[in-house]
């Protein structure tokens, strides 16, 4: 029973995470990027910039699992009109809520 409760707690912690990245240089320096959700409601991860290599996922938790495997996620900021770019895990801050 205790193991089950721990699994539920761990799942809740992972599913309540946020990913963000701060632009380090250029005209958008200091602005926050977040995973870009496309019109279909999905996020995109990829190892390359080529569309044929894109993998779509439905949750931040799935994004994070791919990031740990060396993939990058498309991140942007619609408010400041920053187009989505591929960002690697080393540049991303993982925030648990």
C-alpha atoms as a PDB file:
ATOM      1  CA  UNK A   1       0.000   0.000   0.000  1.00  0.00           C
ATOM      2  CA  UNK A   2       2.786   2.441   0.897  1.00  0.00           C
ATOM      3  CA  UNK A   3       4.546   1.745  -2.413  1.00  0.00           C
ATOM      4  CA  UNK A   4       1.322   2.571  -4.301  1.00  0.00           C
ATOM      5  CA  UNK A   5       0.954   5.876  -2.416  1.00  0.00           C
ATOM      6  CA  UNK A   6       4.559   6.784  -3.247  1.00  0.00           C
ATOM      7  CA  UNK A   7       3.952   6.023  -6.944  1.00  0.00           C
ATOM      8  CA  UNK A   8       0.853   8.232  -6.964  1.00  0.00           C
ATOM      9  CA  UNK A   9       2.786  11.035  -5.212  1.00  0.00           C
ATOM     10  CA  UNK A  10       5.707  10.700  -7.642  1.00  0.00           C
ATOM     11  CA  UNK A  11       3.367  10.757 -10.655  1.00  0.00           C
ATOM     12  CA  UNK A  12       1.663  13.901  -9.336  1.00  0.00           C
ATOM     13  CA  UNK A  13       5.036  15.610  -8.786  1.00  0.00           C
ATOM     14  CA  UNK A  14       6.261  14.793 -12.291  1.00  0.00           C
ATOM     15  CA  UNK A  15       3.001  15.717 -14.010  1.00  0.00           C
ATOM     16  CA  UNK A  16       2.908  19.103 -12.223  1.00  0.00           C
ATOM     17  CA  UNK A  17       6.294  20.195 -13.559  1.00  0.00           C
ATOM     18  CA  UNK A  18       7.041  23.263 -15.643  1.00  0.00           C
ATOM     19  CA  UNK A  19       9.872  23.731 -18.118  1.00  0.00           C
ATOM     20  CA  UNK A  20      11.315  27.133 -18.927  1.00  0.00           C
ATOM     21  CA  UNK A  21      14.407  28.678 -20.430  1.00  0.00           C
ATOM     22  CA  UNK A  22      15.746  32.233 -20.235  1.00  0.00           C
ATOM     23  CA  UNK A  23      17.138  33.780 -23.439  1.00  0.00           C
ATOM     24  CA  UNK A  24      20.835  34.461 -22.752  1.00  0.00           C
ATOM     25  CA  UNK A  25      21.733  36.929 -25.499  1.00  0.00           C
ATOM     26  CA  UNK A  26      20.408  39.151 -28.272  1.00  0.00           C
ATOM     27  CA  UNK A  27      17.438  41.485 -28.365  1.00  0.00           C
ATOM     28  CA  UNK A  28      15.296  39.053 -26.343  1.00  0.00           C
ATOM     29  CA  UNK A  29      17.872  38.561 -23.577  1.00  0.00           C
ATOM     30  CA  UNK A  30      16.210  37.741 -20.263  1.00  0.00           C
ATOM     31  CA  UNK A  31      12.845  36.755 -21.730  1.00  0.00           C
ATOM     32  CA  UNK A  32      11.348  33.419 -20.677  1.00  0.00           C
ATOM     33  CA  UNK A  33      10.682  30.633 -23.191  1.00  0.00           C
ATOM     34  CA  UNK A  34       8.258  27.793 -22.505  1.00  0.00           C
ATOM     35  CA  UNK A  35       7.452  24.635 -24.482  1.00  0.00           C
ATOM     36  CA  UNK A  36       5.442  25.658 -27.529  1.00  0.00           C
ATOM     37  CA  UNK A  37       2.051  23.993 -27.874  1.00  0.00           C
ATOM     38  CA  UNK A  38       1.140  23.808 -31.551  1.00  0.00           C
ATOM     39  CA  UNK A  39      -2.360  24.257 -33.033  1.00  0.00           C
ATOM     40  CA  UNK A  40      -3.060  20.537 -32.656  1.00  0.00           C
ATOM     41  CA  UNK A  41      -2.403  20.856 -28.894  1.00  0.00           C
ATOM     42  CA  UNK A  42       0.835  18.877 -29.024  1.00  0.00           C
ATOM     43  CA  UNK A  43       4.460  19.649 -28.204  1.00  0.00           C
ATOM     44  CA  UNK A  44       7.347  18.824 -30.558  1.00  0.00           C
ATOM     45  CA  UNK A  45      10.625  17.149 -29.599  1.00  0.00           C
ATOM     46  CA  UNK A  46      13.421  16.297 -32.022  1.00  0.00           C
ATOM     47  CA  UNK A  47      17.119  15.509 -32.254  1.00  0.00           C
ATOM     48  CA  UNK A  48      17.501  17.595 -35.424  1.00  0.00           C
ATOM     49  CA  UNK A  49      15.917  20.691 -36.981  1.00  0.00           C
ATOM     50  CA  UNK A  50      14.333  18.627 -39.767  1.00  0.00           C
ATOM     51  CA  UNK A  51      10.548  18.226 -39.696  1.00  0.00           C
ATOM     52  CA  UNK A  52      10.850  14.562 -40.679  1.00  0.00           C
ATOM     53  CA  UNK A  53      12.579  13.889 -37.329  1.00  0.00           C
ATOM     54  CA  UNK A  54       9.890  15.585 -35.196  1.00  0.00           C
ATOM     55  CA  UNK A  55       8.032  13.570 -32.570  1.00  0.00           C
ATOM     56  CA  UNK A  56       4.801  14.976 -31.136  1.00  0.00           C
ATOM     57  CA  UNK A  57       3.843  14.420 -27.502  1.00  0.00           C
ATOM     58  CA  UNK A  58       0.840  15.504 -25.482  1.00  0.00           C
ATOM     59  CA  UNK A  59       2.276  16.355 -22.058  1.00  0.00           C
ATOM     60  CA  UNK A  60       5.180  18.143 -20.404  1.00  0.00           C
ATOM     61  CA  UNK A  61       5.989  14.895 -18.618  1.00  0.00           C
ATOM     62  CA  UNK A  62       6.495  13.181 -21.994  1.00  0.00           C
ATOM     63  CA  UNK A  63       8.597  16.128 -23.195  1.00  0.00           C
ATOM     64  CA  UNK A  64      10.832  15.765 -20.138  1.00  0.00           C
ATOM     65  CA  UNK A  65      11.291  12.022 -20.723  1.00  0.00           C
ATOM     66  CA  UNK A  66      12.496  12.719 -24.281  1.00  0.00           C
ATOM     67  CA  UNK A  67      14.771  15.539 -23.084  1.00  0.00           C
ATOM     68  CA  UNK A  68      16.523  13.069 -20.749  1.00  0.00           C
ATOM     69  CA  UNK A  69      17.207  10.879 -23.823  1.00  0.00           C
ATOM     70  CA  UNK A  70      18.990  13.681 -25.685  1.00  0.00           C
ATOM     71  CA  UNK A  71      16.083  15.193 -27.600  1.00  0.00           C
ATOM     72  CA  UNK A  72      15.359  18.917 -27.747  1.00  0.00           C
ATOM     73  CA  UNK A  73      11.999  20.644 -27.371  1.00  0.00           C
ATOM     74  CA  UNK A  74      10.560  23.538 -29.372  1.00  0.00           C
ATOM     75  CA  UNK A  75      10.280  26.498 -26.990  1.00  0.00           C
ATOM     76  CA  UNK A  76       9.094  30.038 -27.656  1.00  0.00           C
ATOM     77  CA  UNK A  77       7.195  33.010 -26.244  1.00  0.00           C
ATOM     78  CA  UNK A  78       4.014  34.110 -28.049  1.00  0.00           C
ATOM     79  CA  UNK A  79       3.618  37.273 -25.951  1.00  0.00           C
ATOM     80  CA  UNK A  80       6.980  38.605 -27.153  1.00  0.00           C
ATOM     81  CA  UNK A  81       6.659  37.014 -30.614  1.00  0.00           C
ATOM     82  CA  UNK A  82       9.652  34.725 -30.149  1.00  0.00           C
ATOM     83  CA  UNK A  83       9.363  31.820 -32.607  1.00  0.00           C
ATOM     84  CA  UNK A  84       9.848  28.291 -31.253  1.00  0.00           C
ATOM     85  CA  UNK A  85      13.447  27.060 -31.286  1.00  0.00           C
ATOM     86  CA  UNK A  86      14.891  23.700 -30.347  1.00  0.00           C
ATOM     87  CA  UNK A  87      16.298  23.842 -26.797  1.00  0.00           C
ATOM     88  CA  UNK A  88      18.301  21.106 -25.037  1.00  0.00           C
ATOM     89  CA  UNK A  89      17.813  19.985 -21.427  1.00  0.00           C
ATOM     90  CA  UNK A  90      21.070  21.627 -20.245  1.00  0.00           C
ATOM     91  CA  UNK A  91      19.525  25.045 -21.000  1.00  0.00           C
ATOM     92  CA  UNK A  92      16.139  24.308 -19.417  1.00  0.00           C
ATOM     93  CA  UNK A  93      15.061  24.950 -15.857  1.00  0.00           C
ATOM     94  CA  UNK A  94      12.783  22.190 -14.520  1.00  0.00           C
ATOM     95  CA  UNK A  95      10.339  23.543 -11.938  1.00  0.00           C
ATOM     96  CA  UNK A  96       8.261  21.212  -9.752  1.00  0.00           C
ATOM     97  CA  UNK A  97       5.020  22.658  -8.469  1.00  0.00           C
END
